[in-house]
Amino acid sequence: MNASAPASGATDPVVDAAYARRWLALATAAVEREADRLTELDSAIGDADHGTNLRRGFTAASAAVEKDPPGTPGGVLALVGRQLIGSVGGASGPLYGTLLRGAGKHLGDAETASPEELCGALRAGLEGVARLGGAAAGDKTMLDALFPAVDAMAFSLDSGAGLVAALGAARIAADEGAAATVPMLARKGRASYLGERSVGHQDPGATSSALLVTALAEAAEGGTA
């Protein structure tokens, strides 16, 4: 975590609907690019459909946003969440849908959000996921990437960093959190049925969560799909 990052930077974007749409485009491209790897990870400890399901969900979400673009960042996130719940099978749809719909609801109808408000929205969505899944950090789930990411973002912002630097810290923390699931024993979800056989495999949900955090960071840096 970069506590010495500058308090503000000319390159920090406004968190508005356009930013949320950039994130969606980058996330959709990342899921498409990594779908086979996500499914391969899921084949070891899950139902071998994680990449396929997320690809379908984010494709549907992108189409919905393109057809009727919300005018606020909260509206974009909430719409994506609803689409994921409606189009993604298994546990991924409700979990990711809860994350994004919760974040969107937290942002409300405001046309823009501060970096701190975005961080608070992500935490609100994350807490909803934890309640829905009954999981905690260390259970070998998506939370093992998301909790470190949101904590790193909050720490960076509290230390005076701007949005780009804070999301850069979140990206690193999410990647490290996903990698840290390899030696864990799964205690929730389909992987928990395998017991000790779940050890030695990276959790697909944590891996896809890290992709979405990376897309948030890339959108802040001005990246495009």
Protein backbone atom coordinates (compact mmCIF):
# COMPACT_ATOMS: atom_id res chain seq x y z
CA MET A 1 0.00 0.00 0.00
CA ASN A 2 1.39 3.33 -1.08
CA ALA A 3 1.02 5.69 1.84
CA SER A 4 3.32 8.24 0.22
CA ALA A 5 1.18 8.75 -2.88
CA PRO A 6 0.23 12.36 -3.60
CA ALA A 7 -2.99 13.64 -2.13
CA SER A 8 -4.36 14.50 -5.55
CA GLY A 9 -3.38 14.16 -9.15
CA ALA A 10 -4.39 15.75 -12.42
CA THR A 11 -4.90 12.30 -13.87
CA ASP A 12 -7.54 11.24 -11.33
CA PRO A 13 -10.86 10.91 -13.17
CA VAL A 14 -14.32 11.91 -12.06
CA VAL A 15 -16.29 8.92 -10.82
CA ASP A 16 -19.35 9.36 -12.98
CA ALA A 17 -21.46 7.24 -15.30
CA ALA A 18 -18.80 7.40 -18.01
CA TYR A 19 -16.22 6.02 -15.58
CA ALA A 20 -18.56 3.20 -14.59
CA ARG A 21 -19.16 2.38 -18.25
CA ARG A 22 -15.40 2.33 -18.90
CA TRP A 23 -15.04 -0.10 -16.01
CA LEU A 24 -17.78 -2.31 -17.45
CA ALA A 25 -16.15 -2.39 -20.89
CA LEU A 26 -12.77 -3.30 -19.39
CA ALA A 27 -14.29 -5.90 -17.06
CA THR A 28 -16.24 -7.49 -19.91
CA ALA A 29 -13.10 -7.66 -22.05
CA ALA A 30 -11.12 -9.17 -19.17
CA VAL A 31 -13.74 -11.83 -18.52
CA GLU A 32 -13.85 -12.68 -22.20
CA ARG A 33 -10.07 -12.90 -22.37
CA GLU A 34 -9.73 -15.00 -19.20
CA ALA A 35 -12.90 -17.09 -19.43
CA ASP A 36 -11.09 -20.28 -20.35
CA ARG A 37 -8.61 -19.89 -17.49
CA LEU A 38 -11.41 -19.21 -15.02
CA THR A 39 -13.24 -22.32 -16.17
CA GLU A 40 -10.03 -24.35 -15.92
CA LEU A 41 -9.57 -23.20 -12.33
CA ASP A 42 -13.19 -24.03 -11.61
CA SER A 43 -12.84 -27.49 -13.13
CA ALA A 44 -10.41 -28.41 -10.34
CA ILE A 45 -12.60 -27.43 -7.39
CA GLY A 46 -15.99 -26.40 -8.76
CA ASP A 47 -18.50 -27.02 -11.54
CA ALA A 48 -16.21 -26.08 -14.46
CA ASP A 49 -18.49 -23.24 -15.58
CA HIS A 50 -17.23 -20.08 -13.87
CA GLY A 51 -15.69 -18.49 -16.94
CA THR A 52 -18.60 -19.45 -19.17
CA ASN A 53 -21.15 -18.09 -16.72
CA LEU A 54 -19.35 -14.79 -16.17
CA ARG A 55 -18.83 -14.30 -19.90
CA ARG A 56 -22.56 -14.70 -20.47
CA GLY A 57 -23.41 -12.38 -17.59
CA PHE A 58 -21.07 -9.54 -18.50
CA THR A 59 -22.05 -9.77 -22.16
CA ALA A 60 -25.69 -9.37 -21.13
CA ALA A 61 -24.84 -6.53 -18.75
CA SER A 62 -22.88 -4.66 -21.41
CA ALA A 63 -25.77 -4.99 -23.85
CA ALA A 64 -28.26 -3.71 -21.27
CA VAL A 65 -26.13 -0.67 -20.41
CA GLU A 66 -25.53 0.09 -24.08
CA LYS A 67 -29.24 -0.12 -24.84
CA ASP A 68 -30.35 2.18 -22.02
CA PRO A 69 -27.31 3.85 -20.39
CA PRO A 70 -27.95 4.99 -16.82
CA GLY A 71 -26.89 8.56 -16.11
CA THR A 72 -25.18 7.90 -12.79
CA PRO A 73 -22.38 5.61 -11.63
CA GLY A 74 -24.70 4.02 -9.10
CA GLY A 75 -27.22 3.36 -11.83
CA VAL A 76 -24.64 1.61 -14.00
CA LEU A 77 -23.44 -0.63 -11.17
CA ALA A 78 -26.99 -1.47 -10.08
CA LEU A 79 -28.03 -2.37 -13.62
CA VAL A 80 -24.98 -4.60 -14.08
CA GLY A 81 -25.78 -6.29 -10.78
CA ARG A 82 -29.36 -6.98 -11.82
CA GLN A 83 -28.24 -8.40 -15.15
CA LEU A 84 -25.73 -10.71 -13.49
CA ILE A 85 -28.36 -12.04 -11.10
CA GLY A 86 -30.70 -12.68 -14.02
CA SER A 87 -28.27 -14.22 -16.50
CA VAL A 88 -25.48 -15.99 -14.58
CA GLY A 89 -26.07 -19.50 -13.32
CA GLY A 90 -24.80 -21.02 -10.11
CA ALA A 91 -23.63 -18.96 -7.17
CA SER A 92 -21.69 -16.39 -9.19
CA GLY A 93 -24.74 -14.47 -10.38
CA PRO A 94 -26.26 -13.78 -6.98
CA LEU A 95 -22.87 -13.06 -5.40
CA TYR A 96 -21.55 -10.67 -8.03
CA GLY A 97 -25.02 -9.23 -8.47
CA THR A 98 -25.24 -8.52 -4.75
CA LEU A 99 -21.80 -6.89 -4.81
CA LEU A 100 -22.56 -4.52 -7.67
CA ARG A 101 -26.19 -3.84 -6.91
CA GLY A 102 -25.24 -3.09 -3.30
CA ALA A 103 -22.49 -0.73 -4.40
CA GLY A 104 -24.84 0.99 -6.81
CA LYS A 105 -27.54 1.40 -4.17
CA HIS A 106 -24.97 2.88 -1.79
CA LEU A 107 -23.98 5.50 -4.38
CA GLY A 108 -27.63 6.34 -4.97
CA ASP A 109 -28.69 8.89 -7.58
CA ALA A 110 -25.67 11.18 -7.34
CA GLU A 111 -24.16 12.09 -10.70
CA THR A 112 -20.63 11.80 -9.33
CA ALA A 113 -18.92 10.14 -6.38
CA SER A 114 -15.74 10.94 -4.51
CA PRO A 115 -13.04 8.28 -4.25
CA GLU A 116 -14.04 7.80 -0.62
CA GLU A 117 -17.68 7.34 -1.59
CA LEU A 118 -16.70 4.77 -4.21
CA CYS A 119 -14.67 2.90 -1.61
CA GLY A 120 -17.59 3.00 0.81
CA ALA A 121 -19.90 1.69 -1.90
CA LEU A 122 -17.58 -1.21 -2.65
CA ARG A 123 -17.40 -2.06 1.03
CA ALA A 124 -21.19 -1.96 1.33
CA GLY A 125 -21.53 -4.34 -1.60
CA LEU A 126 -18.83 -6.58 -0.19
CA GLU A 127 -20.57 -6.80 3.17
CA GLY A 128 -23.72 -7.85 1.34
CA VAL A 129 -21.81 -10.66 -0.36
CA ALA A 130 -20.41 -11.83 2.97
CA ARG A 131 -23.91 -11.94 4.47
CA LEU A 132 -25.40 -13.73 1.49
CA GLY A 133 -22.71 -16.39 1.31
CA GLY A 134 -22.11 -16.68 5.02
CA ALA A 135 -18.40 -16.52 4.27
CA ALA A 136 -15.43 -14.70 5.76
CA ALA A 137 -11.86 -13.97 4.80
CA GLY A 138 -9.86 -17.20 4.74
CA ASP A 139 -12.72 -19.39 3.50
CA LYS A 140 -11.20 -19.60 -0.02
CA THR A 141 -13.79 -17.49 -1.82
CA MET A 142 -14.02 -14.24 -3.77
CA LEU A 143 -13.85 -12.43 -0.43
CA ASP A 144 -10.18 -13.31 -0.15
CA ALA A 145 -9.47 -10.96 -3.05
CA LEU A 146 -12.13 -8.35 -2.34
CA PHE A 147 -11.57 -7.71 1.36
CA PRO A 148 -7.83 -6.97 0.88
CA ALA A 149 -8.61 -4.80 -2.15
CA VAL A 150 -11.14 -2.61 -0.36
CA ASP A 151 -8.94 -2.40 2.74
CA ALA A 152 -5.96 -1.35 0.62
CA MET A 153 -8.02 1.26 -1.18
CA ALA A 154 -9.31 2.69 2.10
CA PHE A 155 -5.83 2.74 3.63
CA SER A 156 -4.40 4.56 0.62
CA LEU A 157 -7.17 7.14 0.59
CA ASP A 158 -6.80 7.71 4.32
CA SER A 159 -3.07 8.24 3.73
CA GLY A 160 -3.74 10.98 1.19
CA ALA A 161 -3.62 9.07 -2.08
CA GLY A 162 -5.83 9.92 -5.02
CA LEU A 163 -8.12 7.55 -6.87
CA VAL A 164 -5.55 6.20 -9.33
CA ALA A 165 -3.03 5.38 -6.61
CA ALA A 166 -5.66 3.94 -4.27
CA LEU A 167 -7.06 1.65 -6.94
CA GLY A 168 -3.53 0.66 -7.90
CA ALA A 169 -3.03 -0.50 -4.33
CA ALA A 170 -6.37 -2.29 -4.46
CA ARG A 171 -5.35 -4.11 -7.63
CA ILE A 172 -2.12 -5.37 -6.07
CA ALA A 173 -3.94 -6.49 -2.93
CA ALA A 174 -6.62 -8.31 -4.94
CA ASP A 175 -4.03 -10.17 -7.01
CA GLU A 176 -2.11 -11.14 -3.89
CA GLY A 177 -5.32 -12.19 -2.17
CA ALA A 178 -6.31 -14.42 -5.07
CA ALA A 179 -2.88 -16.06 -5.14
CA ALA A 180 -3.06 -16.59 -1.38
CA THR A 181 -6.08 -18.89 -1.81
CA VAL A 182 -3.90 -21.65 -3.30
CA PRO A 183 -2.87 -23.22 0.04
CA MET A 184 -6.24 -22.59 1.71
CA LEU A 185 -8.76 -25.24 2.65
CA ALA A 186 -12.13 -24.34 1.16
CA ARG A 187 -14.83 -23.88 3.77
CA LYS A 188 -17.67 -22.54 1.63
CA GLY A 189 -19.22 -23.33 -1.71
CA ARG A 190 -18.80 -26.28 -4.04
CA ALA A 191 -15.06 -26.48 -3.31
CA SER A 192 -15.73 -27.17 0.38
CA TYR A 193 -17.13 -30.59 -0.56
CA LEU A 194 -13.64 -31.65 -1.62
CA GLY A 195 -12.10 -31.15 1.82
CA GLU A 196 -8.32 -31.46 1.71
CA ARG A 197 -8.40 -31.90 -2.07
CA SER A 198 -9.29 -28.20 -2.39
CA VAL A 199 -5.80 -27.30 -1.12
CA GLY A 200 -3.34 -26.42 -3.86
CA HIS A 201 -5.82 -24.78 -6.23
CA GLN A 202 -6.45 -21.07 -6.74
CA ASP A 203 -10.04 -20.08 -6.12
CA PRO A 204 -11.78 -19.09 -9.36
CA GLY A 205 -14.05 -16.55 -7.65
CA ALA A 206 -11.12 -14.77 -6.06
CA THR A 207 -9.40 -14.80 -9.44
CA SER A 208 -12.34 -13.25 -11.28
CA SER A 209 -12.79 -10.71 -8.47
CA ALA A 210 -9.19 -9.61 -8.98
CA LEU A 211 -9.96 -9.11 -12.68
CA LEU A 212 -12.83 -6.77 -11.81
CA VAL A 213 -10.66 -4.77 -9.40
CA THR A 214 -7.99 -4.49 -12.08
CA ALA A 215 -10.63 -3.15 -14.46
CA LEU A 216 -11.57 -0.49 -11.90
CA ALA A 217 -7.93 0.57 -11.69
CA GLU A 218 -7.46 0.57 -15.46
CA ALA A 219 -10.62 2.65 -15.93
CA ALA A 220 -9.21 5.22 -13.50
CA GLU A 221 -5.94 5.27 -15.42
CA GLY A 222 -7.81 6.05 -18.63
CA GLY A 223 -7.66 2.59 -20.13
CA THR A 224 -10.15 1.40 -22.71
CA ALA A 225 -11.22 -2.07 -23.76
